[in-house]
Amino acid sequence: MPTYTAMKNILWGITLLACPFLSQAQIENSNLSTQQTVGRINSISYYQYDETTAYLRPDWAPGKVFFLDGTHVISPLNYNALNERVELLNEKGEKWTPNKTIIGFILGGTELGKGSYFQNGYRSAQFYEVLYHGKQGDLLRQIVAKTRAKREFNEANTTVYFDLYENYFLSDTNGQLTPVKRTKKFWSTLTPASNKVLTDTQNKLDSWEKVMDLLEAVGY
C-alpha cells in the first residue's frame, strides 16, 4: 500500500485538464507533472447546505475523481456527508460508486479553484476538504452530516433532517492531524514569524480566510 506521502505526491502532481466525457467508461490516465500547487486551494465553498439531504450539493454538477492507480474520471457527482461516500451518475442517471480506491475528488467543478477539493489518506478513509496546501502541511475542513428527527405538531410521521458539522485540522508532512480553532494562542506560535505577522497586519483571525492569510504570509 503506498504511503501517505506517495499518495499525496501522486495527486498533487496531476495536471487537472477538463474533459467533455461524463461516462462511467471514460476513465483516463492522468498526465503527471513535477509542478505542485502550493497555497490556497478553496477560497470559497462549492458545497451548499440543505437540511433535507445529506448530499453537499443540490445538483449533480460535473466533478473529478482521482484514483490511487493514477487515473481519473470526470462525471456528475456528489458527496454524501452522512456515510462519507463519493457517488457518481452514469449516462442513465443512475448512482454508482467506483470500485477503485479514491484518493481525492473535486466537487462542483473539474479544476482546482473552481470546485471544492477533498482528499483522503491522512489518518483514515475519511475525506477532508483541502483549504490550503502548504510546504509544511495542509489546512483541512471535515464536513460530517448527522441526522435529526422532527415530528410536527399533530402529525404522526417523523421527518428526518440532516445537520452539517465542520471540523478544522492542520496536517503535518506525515499526514498527522491536529484539531484547530481560530485562536491567537495557537496560530501565533505556529512559526517564529507568526506572532509578528499577526500584530503587523492586525489579523484578528475572525475567519478561516484570515487564517489562510497568515499561512501565506509566513510561507507555511
Protein backbone atom coordinates (compact mmCIF):
# COMPACT_ATOMS: atom_id res chain seq x y z
CA MET A 1 0.00 0.00 0.00
CA PRO A 2 1.52 3.36 -0.97
CA THR A 3 2.35 5.67 1.93
CA TYR A 4 0.52 8.93 2.59
CA THR A 5 3.44 10.89 1.15
CA ALA A 6 3.42 8.82 -2.04
CA MET A 7 -0.33 9.23 -2.42
CA LYS A 8 -0.04 12.97 -1.86
CA ASN A 9 2.78 13.36 -4.39
CA ILE A 10 0.83 11.40 -6.99
CA LEU A 11 -2.23 13.57 -6.53
CA TRP A 12 -0.62 16.98 -6.33
CA GLY A 13 1.48 16.21 -9.39
CA ILE A 14 -1.61 15.70 -11.55
CA THR A 15 -2.29 18.32 -14.20
CA LEU A 16 -6.01 18.98 -14.00
CA LEU A 17 -7.36 19.09 -17.54
CA ALA A 18 -11.06 19.40 -18.34
CA CYS A 19 -12.66 16.57 -20.27
CA PRO A 20 -16.06 16.59 -22.02
CA PHE A 21 -16.83 12.93 -21.35
CA LEU A 22 -19.12 12.18 -18.42
CA SER A 23 -19.44 8.44 -18.82
CA GLN A 24 -18.53 5.75 -16.32
CA ALA A 25 -16.37 4.20 -19.01
CA GLN A 26 -14.36 7.36 -19.65
CA ILE A 27 -11.62 6.77 -17.11
CA GLU A 28 -8.38 8.30 -18.30
CA ASN A 29 -4.73 8.14 -17.34
CA SER A 30 -3.65 11.31 -15.58
CA ASN A 31 -0.89 13.49 -17.02
CA LEU A 32 1.76 13.59 -14.32
CA SER A 33 3.77 16.76 -13.82
CA THR A 34 6.54 17.82 -11.49
CA GLN A 35 4.68 21.06 -10.75
CA GLN A 36 2.80 21.22 -7.46
CA THR A 37 0.17 23.62 -6.22
CA VAL A 38 1.13 25.46 -3.04
CA GLY A 39 -1.21 27.94 -1.35
CA ARG A 40 -4.96 28.39 -1.23
CA ILE A 41 -6.94 25.60 -2.80
CA ASN A 42 -10.52 26.50 -1.89
CA SER A 43 -11.12 30.14 -1.03
CA ILE A 44 -14.87 29.61 -1.10
CA SER A 45 -17.06 26.60 -0.54
CA TYR A 46 -18.66 24.92 -3.50
CA TYR A 47 -20.99 22.86 -1.38
CA GLN A 48 -24.44 24.11 -0.37
CA TYR A 49 -26.21 23.18 2.82
CA ASP A 50 -29.73 21.74 2.60
CA GLU A 51 -31.12 20.15 5.74
CA THR A 52 -33.37 17.82 3.74
CA THR A 53 -30.45 15.86 2.27
CA ALA A 54 -27.05 14.53 3.30
CA TYR A 55 -25.58 15.42 -0.10
CA LEU A 56 -23.40 18.52 -0.15
CA ARG A 57 -24.84 19.87 -3.40
CA PRO A 58 -28.44 20.19 -4.56
CA ASP A 59 -27.33 19.42 -8.12
CA TRP A 60 -25.01 16.82 -9.58
CA ALA A 61 -22.56 19.10 -11.35
CA PRO A 62 -19.58 17.62 -13.24
CA GLY A 63 -16.69 16.90 -10.91
CA LYS A 64 -13.44 14.99 -11.00
CA VAL A 65 -12.43 11.85 -9.10
CA PHE A 66 -8.79 10.76 -8.67
CA PHE A 67 -7.82 7.14 -8.12
CA LEU A 68 -4.81 5.56 -6.44
CA ASP A 69 -3.65 3.99 -9.70
CA GLY A 70 -3.11 7.46 -11.25
CA THR A 71 -6.28 7.56 -13.35
CA HIS A 72 -9.20 9.95 -13.02
CA VAL A 73 -12.77 10.25 -14.22
CA ILE A 74 -14.95 13.30 -14.86
CA SER A 75 -18.64 12.75 -14.17
CA PRO A 76 -21.63 14.33 -12.47
CA LEU A 77 -21.00 13.59 -8.80
CA ASN A 78 -21.99 14.40 -5.25
CA TYR A 79 -20.73 13.67 -1.76
CA ASN A 80 -22.85 12.01 0.88
CA ALA A 81 -21.64 13.51 4.17
CA LEU A 82 -23.61 11.00 6.25
CA ASN A 83 -21.82 7.89 5.04
CA GLU A 84 -18.79 9.79 3.68
CA ARG A 85 -19.15 8.35 0.20
CA VAL A 86 -18.50 9.80 -3.25
CA GLU A 87 -21.33 8.97 -5.65
CA LEU A 88 -21.38 9.47 -9.42
CA LEU A 89 -24.15 9.45 -12.04
CA ASN A 90 -23.85 7.33 -15.16
CA GLU A 91 -25.37 8.14 -18.56
CA LYS A 92 -28.72 6.70 -17.44
CA GLY A 93 -28.84 8.93 -14.36
CA GLU A 94 -28.12 6.01 -12.04
CA LYS A 95 -25.93 6.47 -8.97
CA TRP A 96 -22.77 4.41 -8.74
CA THR A 97 -19.62 4.27 -6.65
CA PRO A 98 -16.29 3.29 -8.26
CA ASN A 99 -14.78 0.05 -7.03
CA LYS A 100 -11.31 1.58 -7.19
CA THR A 101 -9.52 3.35 -4.36
CA ILE A 102 -10.37 7.06 -4.43
CA ILE A 103 -7.64 9.39 -3.15
CA GLY A 104 -9.44 12.67 -3.87
CA PHE A 105 -12.17 14.43 -5.78
CA ILE A 106 -13.30 17.90 -6.87
CA LEU A 107 -16.91 18.76 -6.03
CA GLY A 108 -18.72 21.38 -8.11
CA GLY A 109 -16.02 21.71 -10.75
CA THR A 110 -13.26 19.91 -12.60
CA GLU A 111 -10.29 22.16 -11.74
CA LEU A 112 -8.64 23.28 -8.55
CA GLY A 113 -10.01 26.66 -7.51
CA LYS A 114 -13.24 26.01 -9.41
CA GLY A 115 -14.63 23.44 -7.03
CA SER A 116 -14.13 22.11 -3.51
CA TYR A 117 -11.18 19.72 -3.40
CA PHE A 118 -11.41 16.77 -0.99
CA GLN A 119 -8.62 14.30 -0.22
CA ASN A 120 -8.14 11.26 1.97
CA GLY A 121 -5.03 9.43 3.10
CA TYR A 122 -4.43 11.45 6.24
CA ARG A 123 -5.34 9.24 9.19
CA SER A 124 -8.35 7.28 7.96
CA ALA A 125 -10.57 6.66 4.96
CA GLN A 126 -12.37 9.92 5.65
CA PHE A 127 -12.33 12.76 3.13
CA TYR A 128 -11.17 16.22 4.12
CA GLU A 129 -11.66 19.42 2.13
CA VAL A 130 -8.25 20.95 1.46
CA LEU A 131 -8.42 24.70 2.04
CA TYR A 132 -4.69 25.39 1.95
CA HIS A 133 -1.85 23.18 0.72
CA GLY A 134 1.48 24.21 2.22
CA LYS A 135 5.06 23.04 2.19
CA GLN A 136 4.79 22.07 5.85
CA GLY A 137 1.23 20.78 5.85
CA ASP A 138 -2.40 21.40 4.91
CA LEU A 139 -5.34 23.28 6.41
CA LEU A 140 -8.31 20.93 6.22
CA ARG A 141 -12.04 21.06 6.80
CA GLN A 142 -14.01 17.94 7.66
CA ILE A 143 -17.74 18.04 6.89
CA VAL A 144 -19.94 15.47 8.62
CA ALA A 145 -23.72 15.10 8.47
CA LYS A 146 -25.78 13.84 11.39
CA THR A 147 -29.46 13.02 11.38
CA ARG A 148 -32.10 14.92 13.33
CA ALA A 149 -35.65 13.57 13.62
CA LYS A 150 -38.50 16.03 13.92
CA ARG A 151 -42.21 15.43 14.35
CA GLU A 152 -44.50 18.33 13.56
CA PHE A 153 -47.33 19.16 15.94
CA ASN A 154 -50.34 16.87 15.48
CA GLU A 155 -48.52 14.77 12.88
CA ALA A 156 -47.86 11.05 13.21
CA ASN A 157 -44.94 10.88 10.81
CA THR A 158 -41.41 11.87 11.74
CA THR A 159 -39.25 13.79 9.27
CA VAL A 160 -35.52 13.20 9.21
CA TYR A 161 -33.26 16.22 8.65
CA PHE A 162 -29.52 16.45 8.27
CA ASP A 163 -27.27 18.82 10.18
CA LEU A 164 -23.78 19.56 8.90
CA TYR A 165 -20.86 19.92 11.29
CA GLU A 166 -17.48 21.34 10.34
CA ASN A 167 -14.19 20.45 11.99
CA TYR A 168 -10.85 22.00 11.09
CA PHE A 169 -7.41 20.39 11.18
CA LEU A 170 -3.82 21.23 10.41
CA SER A 171 -1.80 18.36 8.99
CA ASP A 172 1.96 17.89 9.00
CA THR A 173 4.05 16.36 6.23
CA ASN A 174 3.42 12.88 7.68
CA GLY A 175 -0.35 13.30 7.49
CA GLN A 176 -0.85 13.61 11.25
CA LEU A 177 -3.79 15.87 12.10
CA THR A 178 -4.10 18.48 14.83
CA PRO A 179 -7.60 19.85 15.56
CA VAL A 180 -7.50 23.65 15.33
CA LYS A 181 -9.68 26.64 16.10
CA ARG A 182 -9.21 30.31 15.30
CA THR A 183 -7.32 31.16 18.49
CA LYS A 184 -4.36 33.52 18.60
CA LYS A 185 -2.69 31.34 21.23
CA PHE A 186 -2.27 28.51 18.71
CA TRP A 187 -1.61 30.40 15.48
CA SER A 188 0.81 32.94 16.99
CA THR A 189 3.25 30.12 17.80
CA LEU A 190 2.89 28.23 14.52
CA THR A 191 6.17 29.66 13.18
CA PRO A 192 8.74 32.08 14.64
CA ALA A 193 7.27 34.87 12.48
CA SER A 194 3.58 34.20 13.18
CA ASN A 195 3.08 36.50 16.15
CA LYS A 196 4.79 39.45 14.46
CA VAL A 197 2.76 38.95 11.27
CA LEU A 198 -0.50 38.85 13.23
CA THR A 199 0.43 42.04 15.05
CA ASP A 200 1.71 43.91 11.99
CA THR A 201 -1.32 43.03 9.86
CA GLN A 202 -3.82 43.41 12.72
CA ASN A 203 -5.13 39.99 11.80
CA LYS A 204 -7.79 39.00 14.35
CA LEU A 205 -8.31 35.53 12.85
CA ASP A 206 -12.04 36.19 12.70
CA SER A 207 -12.49 33.91 9.68
CA TRP A 208 -10.69 30.99 8.10
CA GLU A 209 -9.80 33.31 5.23
CA LYS A 210 -7.73 35.28 7.75
CA VAL A 211 -6.05 32.07 8.89
CA MET A 212 -5.06 31.39 5.28
CA ASP A 213 -3.76 34.96 5.04
CA LEU A 214 -1.43 34.11 7.92
CA LEU A 215 -0.32 30.83 6.36
CA GLU A 216 0.54 32.62 3.13
CA ALA A 217 2.36 35.44 4.93
CA VAL A 218 4.64 33.09 6.89
CA GLY A 219 5.16 30.74 3.94
CA TYR A 220 3.75 27.75 5.76
